Amino acid sequence: MLKNYFKIAIAVLKRRKFFTFISLFGISFTLTILMVTTAFLDKIFSPNYPDLKRNRSLYVTTVLLKNSKEGWMNRSPASFYLLDKYISTLKVPAKIAISSFSAATNTYVNNKKIIIEFKYTNADFWDILDYQFLEGKPFNKKQIDQAAHVAVISEDTKKAYFGDAATVIGKSIEADNVNYKVIGVVKNVPRTMTYIYGDMYLPYTVSKANYKEPGLMGDYNAILLAGSDADVPKMKQEFNQMIAKVPINNKEFDRFYCSADGYFEGIARDIAGWDDGSSGVVKLISILSLLAFLFLLLPTINLVNINMTRIMERSSEIGVRKAFGASSRTLVYQFIVENIILTFIGGAIGIILSFIVIYYLNTLNLVPNLNLSLNLAVLGYTLIACLFFGLLSGVYPAWRMSRLNVVTALKAN
């Protein structure tokens, strides 16, 4: 039966080539945009190099001080003082990575300006994050305690600063008017990983700023790593209990908020707003879902109109089949299957277009070091979108068709 429906669907597509082109273009174009967007979001929210332990990690990125009487607040990254004096004393985390947000500096090689984004880290940073070292190794706690002028750089920085040198271990690199000895080169990190992205990684003890200065607001973030997935809720509970005891020591504020979140939860909090500790996850998911629905709705409505035109052109066929005993249910089933076949053909074209678009975007390198790809998860979402398209745009026209009177249908043509 499905084989016959497929043959009929192909014959119908050949009958009105312009309508077929419009239908397939609308489906394939929409799904291409959807797949490229999904591939981008998958790269942001799914565990990716070098942050592969997200399932048992919590991220501390933001603190908020509030004056509840006057209704104003200050929000910024955490201070090293807060992370070192309070958060590093937690017992549940197996390790705690501390790093600053990256800062840019200009350096010059052969009269060519190079922008280097550098950040400061502790030793656990290298244990929690799975950086791939192309040369050398990370700096250790002893080098940090000694405030050694050593650096780990990215492969792009190596190429830009040292050219085609076979190895750069032991060579000197200048950044922020200070010379550092290169001890490691790591594979590039996507620019979208704001918490860990950098061109150069330095021991926090060489920072020119006074990282020991008391205060809750600063320029640092932390990643808390649990020993197992089961320890994550315990780690979050211990963190919340500890934060509740942190003194504000600032007369301008009477409320202090700081949260350890999962990766997606942290991004949702930053985008959707703090809301006195509310994560904003539900709000962000609702917004994204609504945008996706509206994005799919317009081409679906257009496809419904085209399907109605196609079906009305086949009114005589419908009348004949009804006259020979075909039930409305059988006809509805047939037209829905035909529409799903059309949608999946458009989906196949969309997948091909998506590979082309993604290849082109990766070539342009619009987002540094971000290489999009269509993995099984993205293709799975595409199949769901195809079914959504096929059902939503096919049910109403099929239902209208099934209610045609036999005599009216036969007279229509």
Protein backbone atom coordinates (compact mmCIF):
# COMPACT_ATOMS: atom_id res chain seq x y z
CA MET A 1 0.00 0.00 0.00
CA LEU A 2 2.78 2.46 0.94
CA LYS A 3 4.53 1.61 -2.32
CA ASN A 4 1.42 2.64 -4.27
CA TYR A 5 1.11 5.85 -2.25
CA PHE A 6 4.75 6.64 -3.05
CA LYS A 7 4.15 6.13 -6.78
CA ILE A 8 1.05 8.34 -6.65
CA ALA A 9 2.95 11.02 -4.71
CA ILE A 10 5.74 11.10 -7.31
CA ALA A 11 3.19 11.31 -10.14
CA VAL A 12 1.42 14.20 -8.40
CA LEU A 13 4.74 16.02 -7.93
CA LYS A 14 5.47 15.73 -11.66
CA ARG A 15 2.02 17.02 -12.63
CA ARG A 16 2.46 20.63 -11.45
CA LYS A 17 6.22 21.27 -11.43
CA PHE A 18 5.95 24.90 -10.31
CA PHE A 19 3.93 24.01 -7.21
CA THR A 20 6.36 21.18 -6.54
CA PHE A 21 9.31 23.58 -6.78
CA ILE A 22 7.67 26.06 -4.40
CA SER A 23 6.83 23.30 -1.91
CA LEU A 24 10.27 21.70 -1.97
CA PHE A 25 12.02 25.07 -1.82
CA GLY A 26 10.00 26.16 1.22
CA ILE A 27 10.60 22.87 3.04
CA SER A 28 14.29 22.51 2.18
CA PHE A 29 15.13 26.17 2.87
CA THR A 30 13.35 26.13 6.23
CA LEU A 31 14.96 22.87 7.29
CA THR A 32 18.39 24.08 6.16
CA ILE A 33 18.12 27.15 8.39
CA LEU A 34 16.78 24.97 11.21
CA MET A 35 19.59 22.41 10.87
CA VAL A 36 22.37 25.00 10.71
CA THR A 37 20.91 26.76 13.77
CA THR A 38 20.56 23.42 15.60
CA ALA A 39 24.16 22.51 14.72
CA PHE A 40 25.28 25.86 16.16
CA LEU A 41 23.26 25.41 19.37
CA ASP A 42 24.50 21.82 19.68
CA LYS A 43 28.09 23.10 19.60
CA ILE A 44 27.29 25.59 22.35
CA PHE A 45 25.25 23.45 24.74
CA SER A 46 26.61 19.92 24.23
CA PRO A 47 29.87 18.80 25.84
CA ASN A 48 32.63 19.67 23.38
CA TYR A 49 36.40 19.98 23.39
CA PRO A 50 37.89 20.74 25.82
CA ASP A 51 34.93 20.95 28.21
CA LEU A 52 33.94 17.28 28.11
CA LYS A 53 32.91 16.75 31.75
CA ARG A 54 29.84 19.03 31.78
CA ASN A 55 27.60 16.28 33.14
CA ARG A 56 29.40 16.49 36.50
CA SER A 57 30.45 20.12 36.44
CA LEU A 58 28.94 23.27 37.93
CA TYR A 59 29.94 26.73 36.74
CA VAL A 60 30.33 29.84 38.89
CA THR A 61 30.42 32.84 36.58
CA THR A 62 28.40 35.69 38.07
CA VAL A 63 27.78 37.42 41.38
CA LEU A 64 25.05 39.92 42.07
CA LEU A 65 24.90 42.50 44.84
CA LYS A 66 21.54 44.15 45.44
CA ASN A 67 20.22 47.09 47.40
CA SER A 68 16.70 45.88 48.15
CA LYS A 69 15.61 49.21 49.66
CA GLU A 70 16.45 51.35 46.65
CA GLY A 71 15.96 48.58 44.09
CA TRP A 72 19.30 48.76 42.28
CA MET A 73 22.02 46.15 41.84
CA ASN A 74 25.55 45.47 40.58
CA ARG A 75 26.42 42.37 38.61
CA SER A 76 29.83 41.11 37.52
CA PRO A 77 32.07 38.03 37.39
CA ALA A 78 33.30 36.70 40.71
CA SER A 79 36.46 37.87 42.43
CA PHE A 80 39.47 35.62 42.93
CA TYR A 81 39.13 36.38 46.64
CA LEU A 82 35.62 34.88 46.75
CA LEU A 83 36.63 31.79 44.77
CA ASP A 84 39.84 31.19 46.71
CA LYS A 85 38.77 32.05 50.26
CA TYR A 86 35.29 30.51 50.25
CA ILE A 87 34.47 28.34 47.25
CA SER A 88 37.82 26.51 47.18
CA THR A 89 37.10 25.24 50.73
CA LEU A 90 34.15 23.10 49.57
CA LYS A 91 34.53 19.40 50.41
CA VAL A 92 32.32 17.71 47.79
CA PRO A 93 34.07 18.93 44.61
CA ALA A 94 36.94 16.69 43.53
CA LYS A 95 38.65 19.67 41.89
CA ILE A 96 37.96 23.38 41.37
CA ALA A 97 39.25 25.20 38.30
CA ILE A 98 39.68 28.96 38.64
CA SER A 99 40.35 31.20 35.67
CA SER A 100 39.91 34.80 34.66
CA PHE A 101 37.87 35.96 31.70
CA SER A 102 40.17 36.67 28.78
CA ALA A 103 41.65 40.14 28.24
CA ALA A 104 43.11 41.36 24.95
CA THR A 105 46.55 42.85 24.40
CA ASN A 106 48.43 43.90 21.27
CA THR A 107 51.88 42.62 20.44
CA TYR A 108 54.00 43.13 17.33
CA VAL A 109 56.03 40.68 15.29
CA ASN A 110 57.91 41.94 12.22
CA ASN A 111 55.82 45.14 12.31
CA LYS A 112 52.64 43.08 12.23
CA LYS A 113 50.07 43.58 14.99
CA ILE A 114 48.79 40.45 16.70
CA ILE A 115 45.89 40.53 19.15
CA ILE A 116 46.36 38.01 21.95
CA GLU A 117 43.60 37.21 24.41
CA PHE A 118 45.21 35.96 27.60
CA LYS A 119 43.73 34.57 30.80
CA TYR A 120 45.00 33.49 34.20
CA THR A 121 44.32 30.03 35.63
CA ASN A 122 45.14 27.75 38.54
CA ALA A 123 46.60 24.22 38.25
CA ASP A 124 43.23 22.39 38.53
CA PHE A 125 42.13 24.17 35.37
CA TRP A 126 44.23 21.73 33.34
CA ASP A 127 42.91 18.68 35.21
CA ILE A 128 39.23 19.52 34.78
CA LEU A 129 39.41 20.58 31.14
CA ASP A 130 40.66 18.09 28.55
CA TYR A 131 42.95 20.27 26.47
CA GLN A 132 44.81 18.51 23.69
CA PHE A 133 48.49 19.42 23.93
CA LEU A 134 50.20 19.53 20.56
CA GLU A 135 53.50 20.38 22.24
CA GLY A 136 54.76 20.51 25.80
CA LYS A 137 52.61 20.44 28.91
CA PRO A 138 50.64 22.74 31.27
CA PHE A 139 52.16 24.71 34.12
CA ASN A 140 51.84 23.10 37.56
CA LYS A 141 51.13 24.29 41.10
CA LYS A 142 54.83 24.76 41.87
CA GLN A 143 55.26 27.11 38.92
CA ILE A 144 52.15 29.00 39.98
CA ASP A 145 53.42 29.37 43.56
CA GLN A 146 56.72 30.67 42.19
CA ALA A 147 54.91 33.13 39.89
CA ALA A 148 56.94 31.72 37.00
CA HIS A 149 56.65 33.61 33.72
CA VAL A 150 55.49 30.59 31.71
CA ALA A 151 52.70 30.34 29.18
CA VAL A 152 50.55 27.86 27.31
CA ILE A 153 49.47 29.16 23.91
CA SER A 154 47.00 28.07 21.24
CA GLU A 155 48.07 26.67 17.88
CA ASP A 156 46.78 29.81 16.13
CA THR A 157 48.92 31.99 18.40
CA LYS A 158 51.92 29.79 17.69
CA LYS A 159 51.44 30.20 13.94
CA ALA A 160 50.77 33.95 14.13
CA TYR A 161 53.71 34.72 16.45
CA PHE A 162 56.33 32.13 15.47
CA GLY A 163 55.35 31.34 11.88
CA ASP A 164 56.20 27.85 10.65
CA ALA A 165 58.55 26.95 13.50
CA ALA A 166 58.62 23.21 14.09
CA THR A 167 58.56 23.64 17.85
CA VAL A 168 58.24 26.67 20.14
CA ILE A 169 58.80 25.06 23.53
CA GLY A 170 61.28 27.19 25.45
CA LYS A 171 60.89 30.20 23.19
CA SER A 172 59.87 33.62 24.47
CA ILE A 173 56.58 35.34 23.69
CA GLU A 174 55.65 38.89 24.68
CA ALA A 175 52.19 39.86 25.88
CA ASP A 176 51.04 42.90 27.86
CA ASN A 177 54.69 44.15 27.82
CA VAL A 178 55.93 41.02 29.64
CA ASN A 179 57.99 38.14 28.22
CA TYR A 180 56.89 34.58 28.95
CA LYS A 181 58.50 31.22 28.19
CA VAL A 182 56.27 28.93 26.15
CA ILE A 183 55.91 25.52 27.81
CA GLY A 184 52.87 24.19 25.93
CA VAL A 185 50.78 24.51 22.79
CA VAL A 186 47.12 23.42 22.79
CA LYS A 187 44.58 22.78 20.08
CA ASN A 188 42.38 25.82 19.38
CA VAL A 189 39.25 26.36 21.49
CA PRO A 190 36.00 27.68 19.92
CA ARG A 191 35.35 31.36 20.62
CA THR A 192 31.85 30.49 21.85
CA MET A 193 33.33 28.92 25.00
CA THR A 194 33.56 32.24 26.82
CA TYR A 195 34.54 30.75 30.18
CA ILE A 196 37.63 28.93 28.90
CA TYR A 197 38.59 30.53 25.58
CA GLY A 198 42.01 32.06 25.29
CA ASP A 199 45.02 32.53 23.02
CA MET A 200 47.41 32.42 25.96
CA TYR A 201 47.07 30.88 29.45
CA LEU A 202 49.15 32.21 32.34
CA PRO A 203 49.55 31.42 36.07
CA TYR A 204 47.21 33.64 38.06
CA THR A 205 50.10 34.69 40.30
CA VAL A 206 51.70 36.72 37.47
CA SER A 207 48.62 38.93 37.13
CA LYS A 208 49.37 42.65 37.32
CA ALA A 209 46.11 43.21 39.16
CA ASN A 210 45.87 42.57 42.90
CA TYR A 211 44.00 39.27 42.75
CA LYS A 212 44.16 38.97 46.56
CA GLU A 213 42.15 42.15 47.11
CA PRO A 214 39.09 41.45 49.33
CA GLY A 215 35.73 41.81 47.65
CA LEU A 216 33.10 39.71 45.95
CA MET A 217 33.16 41.20 42.46
CA GLY A 218 36.02 40.73 40.05
CA ASP A 219 36.97 39.06 36.78
CA TYR A 220 37.13 35.35 37.54
CA ASN A 221 34.99 32.23 37.14
CA ALA A 222 35.19 28.71 38.48
CA ILE A 223 34.28 25.18 37.43
CA LEU A 224 33.42 22.74 40.22
CA LEU A 225 33.99 19.11 39.26
CA ALA A 226 32.14 16.38 41.15
CA GLY A 227 33.64 12.93 41.59
CA SER A 228 30.55 11.37 39.99
CA ASP A 229 27.20 12.37 38.51
CA ALA A 230 25.52 11.44 41.80
CA ASP A 231 27.63 14.01 43.68
CA VAL A 232 26.44 16.98 41.60
CA PRO A 233 23.28 17.69 43.70
CA LYS A 234 25.34 17.36 46.90
CA MET A 235 27.92 19.74 45.47
CA LYS A 236 25.24 22.29 44.59
CA GLN A 237 23.66 22.00 48.04
CA GLU A 238 27.02 22.48 49.80
CA PHE A 239 27.74 25.48 47.57
CA ASN A 240 24.40 27.14 48.39
CA GLN A 241 24.91 26.58 52.11
CA MET A 242 28.37 28.13 51.95
CA ILE A 243 27.24 31.14 49.86
CA ALA A 244 24.52 31.92 52.43
CA LYS A 245 27.28 32.49 55.01
CA VAL A 246 29.52 34.75 52.91
CA PRO A 247 29.63 38.25 54.46
CA ILE A 248 28.86 41.15 52.10
CA ASN A 249 31.07 43.73 53.86
CA ASN A 250 29.61 46.52 51.75
CA LYS A 251 27.21 49.04 53.25
CA GLU A 252 25.70 49.87 49.86
CA PHE A 253 24.20 46.39 49.48
CA ASP A 254 22.16 44.08 51.67
CA ARG A 255 21.64 41.07 49.35
CA PHE A 256 24.26 38.81 47.77
CA TYR A 257 23.55 36.18 45.10
CA CYS A 258 25.94 33.69 43.56
CA SER A 259 24.99 30.41 41.95
CA ALA A 260 26.74 27.26 40.77
CA ASP A 261 24.88 26.13 37.66
CA GLY A 262 25.02 23.50 34.97
CA TYR A 263 26.35 24.81 31.66
CA PHE A 264 22.97 25.38 29.99
CA GLU A 265 21.46 26.68 33.23
CA GLY A 266 24.25 29.24 33.54
CA ILE A 267 23.76 30.54 30.01
CA ALA A 268 20.01 30.67 30.57
CA ARG A 269 20.56 32.69 33.75
CA ASP A 270 22.75 35.19 31.90
CA ILE A 271 20.29 35.58 29.01
CA ALA A 272 16.93 35.36 30.76
CA GLY A 273 17.88 37.31 33.88
CA TRP A 274 18.73 36.50 37.46
CA ASP A 275 15.29 36.88 39.02
CA ASP A 276 16.59 36.55 42.57
CA GLY A 277 18.22 33.18 41.96
CA SER A 278 15.78 31.81 39.40
CA SER A 279 17.74 30.00 36.71
CA GLY A 280 15.61 31.20 33.83
CA VAL A 281 15.88 27.82 32.10
CA VAL A 282 12.13 27.40 31.62
CA LYS A 283 11.87 30.95 30.35
CA LEU A 284 14.69 30.51 27.84
CA ILE A 285 13.41 27.15 26.60
CA SER A 286 9.95 28.66 26.15
CA ILE A 287 11.37 31.55 24.13
CA LEU A 288 13.45 29.26 21.92
CA SER A 289 10.52 26.88 21.41
CA LEU A 290 8.20 29.74 20.50
CA LEU A 291 10.69 31.13 18.00
CA ALA A 292 11.16 27.71 16.42
CA PHE A 293 7.38 27.20 16.21
CA LEU A 294 6.83 30.60 14.58
CA PHE A 295 9.70 29.94 12.19
CA LEU A 296 8.08 26.68 11.10
CA LEU A 297 4.55 28.06 11.09
CA LEU A 298 4.85 30.39 8.09
CA PRO A 299 6.14 27.81 5.58
CA THR A 300 3.65 25.32 7.00
CA ILE A 301 0.73 27.69 6.27
CA ASN A 302 2.06 28.21 2.74
CA LEU A 303 2.36 24.46 2.31
CA VAL A 304 -1.23 24.00 3.53
CA ASN A 305 -2.47 26.43 0.87
CA ILE A 306 -0.50 24.66 -1.86
CA ASN A 307 -1.78 21.30 -0.67
CA MET A 308 -5.35 22.58 -0.76
CA THR A 309 -4.86 23.64 -4.38
CA ARG A 310 -3.37 20.26 -5.26
CA ILE A 311 -6.19 18.38 -3.59
CA MET A 312 -8.94 20.41 -5.20
CA GLU A 313 -7.37 19.68 -8.60
CA ARG A 314 -7.81 15.99 -7.79
CA SER A 315 -11.45 16.31 -6.80
CA SER A 316 -12.60 14.07 -9.66
CA GLU A 317 -10.18 11.36 -8.54
CA ILE A 318 -11.55 11.69 -5.01
CA GLY A 319 -15.12 11.45 -6.26
CA VAL A 320 -14.41 8.31 -8.29
CA ARG A 321 -12.67 6.61 -5.38
CA LYS A 322 -15.51 7.50 -3.02
CA ALA A 323 -18.05 6.23 -5.56
CA PHE A 324 -16.23 2.89 -5.62
CA GLY A 325 -16.31 2.59 -1.82
CA ALA A 326 -13.14 4.26 -0.58
CA SER A 327 -13.68 5.50 2.97
CA SER A 328 -12.82 9.01 4.12
CA ARG A 329 -10.33 7.51 6.56
CA THR A 330 -8.47 5.73 3.72
CA LEU A 331 -8.31 8.93 1.67
CA VAL A 332 -7.09 11.00 4.63
CA TYR A 333 -4.40 8.42 5.33
CA GLN A 334 -3.29 8.44 1.69
CA PHE A 335 -2.98 12.21 1.42
CA ILE A 336 -1.14 12.53 4.73
CA VAL A 337 1.34 9.85 3.64
CA GLU A 338 1.78 11.62 0.29
CA ASN A 339 2.48 14.88 2.09
CA ILE A 340 4.99 13.24 4.44
CA ILE A 341 6.76 11.77 1.39
CA LEU A 342 6.92 15.25 -0.14
CA THR A 343 8.26 16.65 3.13
CA PHE A 344 10.97 13.99 3.42
CA ILE A 345 12.08 14.66 -0.15
CA GLY A 346 12.36 18.33 0.83
CA GLY A 347 14.16 17.23 4.01
CA ALA A 348 16.71 15.23 1.98
CA ILE A 349 17.37 18.30 -0.17
CA GLY A 350 17.62 20.37 3.03
CA ILE A 351 20.26 18.00 4.46
CA ILE A 352 22.35 18.30 1.29
CA LEU A 353 22.02 22.10 1.39
CA SER A 354 22.94 22.08 5.08
CA PHE A 355 26.19 20.24 4.40
CA ILE A 356 27.02 22.84 1.74
CA VAL A 357 26.11 25.81 3.97
CA ILE A 358 28.00 24.41 6.98
CA TYR A 359 31.08 23.72 4.86
CA TYR A 360 30.93 27.29 3.57
CA LEU A 361 30.48 28.76 7.08
CA ASN A 362 33.40 26.71 8.43
CA THR A 363 35.53 27.98 5.55
CA LEU A 364 34.65 31.60 6.37
CA ASN A 365 35.54 31.04 10.07
CA LEU A 366 33.03 33.69 11.16
CA VAL A 367 33.28 32.40 14.74
CA PRO A 368 36.96 31.61 15.44
CA ASN A 369 37.69 27.88 15.80
CA LEU A 370 34.01 26.90 15.68
CA ASN A 371 33.55 23.99 13.28
CA LEU A 372 29.89 23.11 12.80
CA SER A 373 28.84 19.58 11.90
CA LEU A 374 25.68 17.54 11.37
CA ASN A 375 25.79 14.79 13.95
CA LEU A 376 23.18 12.15 14.75
CA ALA A 377 21.41 14.47 17.21
CA VAL A 378 21.01 17.20 14.58
CA LEU A 379 19.79 14.70 11.97
CA GLY A 380 17.35 13.30 14.54
CA TYR A 381 15.91 16.77 15.12
CA THR A 382 15.60 17.13 11.35
CA LEU A 383 13.53 13.95 11.10
CA ILE A 384 11.24 15.25 13.84
CA ALA A 385 10.90 18.56 12.00
CA CYS A 386 10.04 16.70 8.78
CA LEU A 387 7.30 14.76 10.55
CA PHE A 388 6.02 17.98 12.08
CA PHE A 389 5.95 19.63 8.66
CA GLY A 390 4.30 16.66 7.00
CA LEU A 391 1.59 16.12 9.59
CA LEU A 392 0.79 19.76 10.30
CA SER A 393 0.58 20.76 6.65
CA GLY A 394 -1.22 17.62 5.54
CA VAL A 395 -3.91 16.95 8.16
CA TYR A 396 -6.18 19.94 7.46
CA PRO A 397 -6.17 19.62 3.61
CA ALA A 398 -6.75 15.87 3.91
CA TRP A 399 -9.64 16.43 6.32
CA ARG A 400 -11.22 19.00 3.95
CA MET A 401 -10.81 16.58 1.06
CA SER A 402 -12.44 13.72 2.95
CA ARG A 403 -15.60 15.80 3.50
CA LEU A 404 -16.18 16.46 -0.23
CA ASN A 405 -19.51 15.24 -1.45
CA VAL A 406 -19.19 12.57 -4.15
CA VAL A 407 -21.46 14.39 -6.63
CA THR A 408 -19.77 17.73 -5.99
CA ALA A 409 -16.35 16.17 -6.42
CA LEU A 410 -17.29 14.54 -9.72
CA LYS A 411 -18.77 17.79 -11.05
CA ALA A 412 -15.74 19.88 -10.01
CA ASN A 413 -13.81 18.98 -13.12
